[in-house]
Amino acid sequence: MYIMKPLTSGKSLLLMAAALGMAFVSCKKERDNDYSAANDNALAERSFSDIESISDQAADGNLTSYKDGLDQSIMGKCATITHDTTTTPRSLVVDFGTVNCLCNDGRNRRGKIRVSYNGMYRDPGSTHSITPEDYYVNDYKIEGLKSVTNMGYNSSNHLYYNITVDGTVTAPDGKSATWKSDRVREWVEGESTLINWLDDVYLITGTASGTGANGNGYNAAVKTPLRVELSCRWITSGSFELTPDGKDPITGDYGNGNCDNQATVVFRGKTYNVTLK
């Protein structure tokens, strides 16, 4: 039974941020020399999507994407899981140890991820707080709090969730970027099938903002809801906009619902095709 249920095993809005990063590179001749906002937003998206996916897999007893895959009696595995269901609220700790461990996804991790929760993902009113503790990914320190709150059913009779993040990512050179996100995840298809999560579909709306490692701020907002189908690796439709302070906005669009890795980006009146990876 899920404590949480992320958009996929690692998918979230990272693709949105990644598209922006690619867009800035694609638009290199059209833009000035500062595209760090997209990179900082992409890194924060990935970092906080990552800790939610890890927490969910830990609760489900499957951390294969994050373990080293070696026999436990020889080398141990990257994560030790402690799950206490006797306390209120309940707690889950994923401990990668105090030295870097190379996980199956190719990233080194160390430190802990702590989860405090008072109900399962489907339970209206349930809250889940995810806190990294001395936690590093490839020597980037991830700090802050991610909260997922089940708000119950909306007027369309869909479960929906408020998801907030207030975090900081510090690079190995000591430079830090802050990131805040406030989004709504609406569960529009698949709630009635308890076992088959592949038929689940979500719509994502909301905003994000941050201050990059260079000290410059930016804002991002979903313009039309992003449709996330768990059977598809890619976001299938929807659009967003990212605006660095004092600079021109960039708009990204995932298309009309096809499950593919194609998106478009509009920057200074020109449209660019983007292939997501």
Protein backbone atom coordinates (compact mmCIF):
# COMPACT_ATOMS: atom_id res chain seq x y z
CA MET A 1 0.00 0.00 0.00
CA TYR A 2 1.39 3.38 -0.98
CA ILE A 3 2.31 6.02 1.56
CA MET A 4 2.72 8.40 -1.36
CA LYS A 5 2.32 7.98 -5.06
CA PRO A 6 4.55 10.21 -7.20
CA LEU A 7 3.80 10.97 -10.79
CA THR A 8 5.97 8.07 -11.88
CA SER A 9 9.16 6.50 -10.75
CA GLY A 10 11.02 9.77 -11.07
CA LYS A 11 8.90 11.71 -13.54
CA SER A 12 7.28 14.76 -11.86
CA LEU A 13 7.77 18.13 -13.43
CA LEU A 14 11.42 17.53 -14.12
CA LEU A 15 10.64 17.24 -17.83
CA MET A 16 9.22 20.73 -17.72
CA ALA A 17 12.44 22.11 -16.29
CA ALA A 18 14.58 20.02 -18.61
CA ALA A 19 12.76 21.40 -21.62
CA LEU A 20 13.50 24.91 -20.45
CA GLY A 21 17.15 24.13 -20.07
CA MET A 22 17.28 22.73 -23.58
CA ALA A 23 15.36 25.73 -24.84
CA PHE A 24 17.94 28.15 -23.54
CA VAL A 25 20.69 26.17 -25.21
CA SER A 26 18.70 25.96 -28.44
CA CYS A 27 18.11 29.69 -28.32
CA LYS A 28 21.76 30.51 -27.63
CA LYS A 29 22.09 32.93 -30.53
CA GLU A 30 18.84 34.64 -29.59
CA ARG A 31 19.38 35.18 -25.87
CA ASP A 32 21.86 36.96 -23.62
CA ASN A 33 24.46 34.95 -21.74
CA ASP A 34 22.48 34.14 -18.58
CA TYR A 35 20.41 30.96 -18.78
CA SER A 36 21.19 29.73 -15.28
CA ALA A 37 17.56 30.13 -14.14
CA ALA A 38 16.50 27.15 -16.25
CA ASN A 39 19.39 25.04 -15.00
CA ASP A 40 18.74 25.92 -11.35
CA ASN A 41 15.02 25.20 -11.74
CA ALA A 42 15.78 21.87 -13.43
CA LEU A 43 18.16 20.83 -10.66
CA ALA A 44 15.65 21.70 -7.93
CA GLU A 45 12.84 19.92 -9.77
CA ARG A 46 14.94 16.79 -10.12
CA SER A 47 16.17 16.86 -6.53
CA PHE A 48 12.76 17.11 -4.88
CA SER A 49 11.07 14.76 -7.33
CA ASP A 50 13.85 12.32 -6.53
CA ILE A 51 13.30 12.31 -2.77
CA GLU A 52 9.55 11.73 -3.21
CA SER A 53 10.17 8.81 -5.56
CA ILE A 54 12.70 7.31 -3.16
CA SER A 55 10.28 7.66 -0.25
CA ASP A 56 7.49 6.00 -2.20
CA GLN A 57 9.67 3.10 -3.32
CA ALA A 58 10.95 2.65 0.23
CA ALA A 59 7.39 2.45 1.56
CA ASP A 60 6.52 -0.07 -1.15
CA GLY A 61 9.56 -2.20 -0.36
CA ASN A 62 11.24 -1.62 -3.73
CA LEU A 63 14.28 0.63 -4.01
CA THR A 64 15.93 -1.10 -6.96
CA SER A 65 16.60 2.18 -8.77
CA TYR A 66 18.63 3.44 -5.85
CA LYS A 67 20.44 0.33 -4.54
CA ASP A 68 23.82 -0.78 -5.80
CA GLY A 69 22.50 -4.23 -6.69
CA LEU A 70 25.35 -6.10 -5.01
CA ASP A 71 24.85 -8.96 -2.62
CA GLN A 72 24.13 -7.54 0.81
CA SER A 73 26.53 -9.95 2.53
CA ILE A 74 29.44 -8.70 0.42
CA MET A 75 29.05 -4.96 -0.02
CA GLY A 76 25.71 -4.03 1.47
CA LYS A 77 23.20 -1.94 -0.41
CA CYS A 78 22.94 1.80 -0.68
CA ALA A 79 19.81 2.29 1.42
CA THR A 80 18.74 1.06 4.82
CA ILE A 81 15.01 1.51 5.44
CA THR A 82 13.43 2.00 8.86
CA HIS A 83 9.63 2.11 8.88
CA ASP A 84 7.83 2.75 12.17
CA THR A 85 4.06 2.29 11.94
CA THR A 86 3.50 2.28 15.72
CA THR A 87 4.01 6.01 16.24
CA THR A 88 1.68 8.91 15.48
CA PRO A 89 2.50 10.31 13.01
CA ARG A 90 4.17 7.31 11.42
CA SER A 91 7.75 7.62 10.22
CA LEU A 92 9.93 6.30 7.44
CA VAL A 93 13.70 6.81 7.21
CA VAL A 94 15.80 6.01 4.14
CA ASP A 95 19.47 6.03 5.16
CA PHE A 96 22.18 6.03 2.48
CA GLY A 97 24.98 6.20 5.05
CA THR A 98 27.61 8.85 5.70
CA VAL A 99 29.82 8.22 2.65
CA ASN A 100 28.85 8.30 -1.01
CA CYS A 101 27.23 5.16 -2.37
CA LEU A 102 26.84 4.73 -6.12
CA CYS A 103 23.21 3.86 -6.81
CA ASN A 104 21.76 2.00 -9.78
CA ASP A 105 20.68 5.25 -11.40
CA GLY A 106 24.32 6.33 -11.63
CA ARG A 107 24.19 8.94 -8.87
CA ASN A 108 26.14 8.97 -5.62
CA ARG A 109 24.05 9.50 -2.51
CA ARG A 110 24.69 9.89 1.20
CA GLY A 111 22.61 11.04 4.14
CA LYS A 112 19.01 10.42 5.10
CA ILE A 113 15.49 11.11 3.86
CA ARG A 114 12.88 11.32 6.61
CA VAL A 115 9.15 10.97 6.00
CA SER A 116 6.44 11.74 8.53
CA TYR A 117 2.86 10.81 7.59
CA ASN A 118 -0.58 10.32 9.11
CA GLY A 119 -2.37 8.33 6.44
CA MET A 120 -2.09 6.63 3.07
CA TYR A 121 -1.97 8.39 -0.28
CA ARG A 122 -5.68 7.85 -1.01
CA ASP A 123 -6.88 9.01 2.42
CA PRO A 124 -8.52 12.47 2.34
CA GLY A 125 -6.82 14.71 4.87
CA SER A 126 -3.60 12.71 4.94
CA THR A 127 -0.35 14.66 5.06
CA HIS A 128 3.17 13.56 4.17
CA SER A 129 6.23 15.60 5.05
CA ILE A 130 9.55 14.70 3.42
CA THR A 131 12.76 16.14 4.88
CA PRO A 132 16.31 15.46 3.69
CA GLU A 133 18.89 15.28 6.49
CA ASP A 134 22.58 15.81 5.66
CA TYR A 135 21.52 14.46 2.27
CA TYR A 136 23.71 14.76 -0.83
CA VAL A 137 23.33 13.68 -4.45
CA ASN A 138 26.59 13.81 -6.44
CA ASP A 139 27.88 16.08 -3.63
CA TYR A 140 25.01 18.55 -4.08
CA LYS A 141 23.39 19.12 -0.69
CA ILE A 142 19.59 19.03 -0.70
CA GLU A 143 17.80 20.81 2.15
CA GLY A 144 14.23 21.84 2.90
CA LEU A 145 10.76 20.40 3.18
CA LYS A 146 8.35 18.83 0.70
CA SER A 147 4.75 18.43 1.83
CA VAL A 148 1.97 16.46 0.14
CA THR A 149 -1.58 16.97 1.45
CA ASN A 150 -4.62 15.04 0.25
CA MET A 151 -7.34 17.69 -0.01
CA GLY A 152 -10.19 15.24 -0.63
CA TYR A 153 -12.53 15.40 -3.61
CA ASN A 154 -13.08 18.49 -5.74
CA SER A 155 -16.23 19.52 -7.61
CA SER A 156 -15.35 17.06 -10.40
CA ASN A 157 -15.22 14.22 -7.82
CA HIS A 158 -11.46 13.86 -8.29
CA LEU A 159 -8.98 13.49 -5.45
CA TYR A 160 -6.50 16.34 -5.47
CA TYR A 161 -3.33 17.17 -3.58
CA ASN A 162 -1.57 20.34 -2.56
CA ILE A 163 2.18 19.93 -2.97
CA THR A 164 4.59 22.51 -1.59
CA VAL A 165 8.37 22.67 -1.55
CA ASP A 166 10.63 25.14 0.25
CA GLY A 167 14.16 24.04 -0.48
CA THR A 168 17.79 24.85 -1.10
CA VAL A 169 20.33 23.12 -3.31
CA THR A 170 24.01 23.80 -2.54
CA ALA A 171 26.65 22.91 -5.11
CA PRO A 172 30.01 21.37 -4.19
CA ASP A 173 31.61 24.82 -4.63
CA GLY A 174 29.35 26.20 -1.88
CA LYS A 175 27.01 28.25 -4.08
CA SER A 176 23.34 27.83 -3.18
CA ALA A 177 20.08 28.15 -5.08
CA THR A 178 16.69 28.43 -3.36
CA TRP A 179 13.45 27.07 -4.77
CA LYS A 180 9.80 27.27 -3.76
CA SER A 181 6.94 25.46 -5.43
CA ASP A 182 3.19 25.44 -4.84
CA ARG A 183 1.22 23.06 -7.03
CA VAL A 184 -1.99 21.08 -7.26
CA ARG A 185 -2.01 17.45 -8.43
CA GLU A 186 -5.50 16.33 -9.55
CA TRP A 187 -6.08 12.58 -9.94
CA VAL A 188 -8.37 12.50 -12.98
CA GLU A 189 -8.22 8.82 -14.03
CA GLY A 190 -7.39 5.48 -12.45
CA GLU A 191 -8.36 6.03 -8.82
CA SER A 192 -10.86 3.16 -8.86
CA THR A 193 -8.26 0.55 -9.84
CA LEU A 194 -6.34 -0.12 -6.64
CA ILE A 195 -3.64 -2.36 -8.12
CA ASN A 196 -3.09 -1.10 -11.66
CA TRP A 197 -1.26 2.20 -11.23
CA LEU A 198 -0.43 2.35 -14.96
CA ASP A 199 -3.91 3.65 -15.76
CA ASP A 200 -3.49 6.64 -13.42
CA VAL A 201 -3.62 10.13 -14.95
CA TYR A 202 -2.93 13.44 -13.21
CA LEU A 203 -3.30 17.10 -14.12
CA ILE A 204 -0.73 19.48 -12.64
CA THR A 205 -1.16 23.21 -12.09
CA GLY A 206 0.70 25.77 -10.02
CA THR A 207 3.76 27.96 -9.73
CA ALA A 208 7.39 27.94 -8.69
CA SER A 209 10.01 30.57 -7.95
CA GLY A 210 13.61 30.69 -6.94
CA THR A 211 16.89 32.50 -6.62
CA GLY A 212 19.71 31.00 -8.61
CA ALA A 213 23.28 30.38 -7.56
CA ASN A 214 24.18 33.66 -9.27
CA GLY A 215 21.73 35.56 -7.05
CA ASN A 216 19.19 36.24 -9.80
CA GLY A 217 15.53 35.35 -9.32
CA TYR A 218 12.98 33.72 -11.60
CA ASN A 219 9.34 32.63 -11.64
CA ALA A 220 7.64 29.71 -13.36
CA ALA A 221 3.95 28.96 -13.86
CA VAL A 222 1.85 26.29 -15.53
CA LYS A 223 -0.27 27.99 -18.18
CA THR A 224 -2.48 25.05 -19.18
CA PRO A 225 -2.62 21.92 -16.98
CA LEU A 226 0.17 19.42 -17.53
CA ARG A 227 -1.24 15.96 -18.20
CA VAL A 228 0.81 13.16 -16.67
CA GLU A 229 -0.11 9.60 -17.64
CA LEU A 230 1.78 7.00 -15.61
CA SER A 231 1.82 4.64 -18.59
CA CYS A 232 3.86 7.21 -20.53
CA ARG A 233 7.38 8.38 -19.78
CA TRP A 234 6.61 11.87 -21.04
CA ILE A 235 4.18 14.59 -20.06
CA THR A 236 1.60 14.32 -22.84
CA SER A 237 0.07 17.81 -22.96
CA GLY A 238 0.02 21.20 -21.27
CA SER A 239 2.18 24.31 -21.25
CA PHE A 240 4.27 26.39 -18.86
CA GLU A 241 6.25 29.62 -18.73
CA LEU A 242 9.52 30.53 -17.00
CA THR A 243 10.61 34.14 -16.58
CA PRO A 244 14.02 35.13 -15.19
CA ASP A 245 13.91 38.51 -13.43
CA GLY A 246 14.35 41.29 -15.95
CA LYS A 247 14.50 38.93 -18.91
CA ASP A 248 12.18 37.63 -21.59
CA PRO A 249 9.83 34.73 -20.73
CA ILE A 250 10.11 31.31 -22.27
CA THR A 251 7.00 29.24 -22.99
CA GLY A 252 7.06 25.46 -23.37
CA ASP A 253 4.29 23.26 -24.75
CA TYR A 254 4.01 19.44 -24.58
CA GLY A 255 1.50 19.14 -27.42
CA ASN A 256 -2.00 17.70 -27.71
CA GLY A 257 -1.82 14.39 -25.85
CA ASN A 258 0.51 12.10 -27.77
CA CYS A 259 2.90 9.95 -25.74
CA ASP A 260 6.17 11.13 -27.27
CA ASN A 261 9.32 13.05 -26.40
CA GLN A 262 8.51 16.06 -28.56
CA ALA A 263 7.81 19.54 -27.22
CA THR A 264 8.01 23.11 -28.49
CA VAL A 265 9.48 26.20 -26.90
CA VAL A 266 8.67 29.81 -27.79
CA PHE A 267 11.34 32.42 -27.07
CA ARG A 268 11.29 36.00 -28.34
CA GLY A 269 8.62 35.18 -30.91
CA LYS A 270 10.38 32.17 -32.39
CA THR A 271 9.31 28.53 -31.97
CA TYR A 272 11.85 25.79 -31.41
CA ASN A 273 11.29 22.04 -31.49
CA VAL A 274 12.69 20.21 -28.44
CA THR A 275 13.40 16.50 -28.07
CA LEU A 276 13.21 15.48 -24.41
CA LYS A 277 15.66 12.94 -23.01
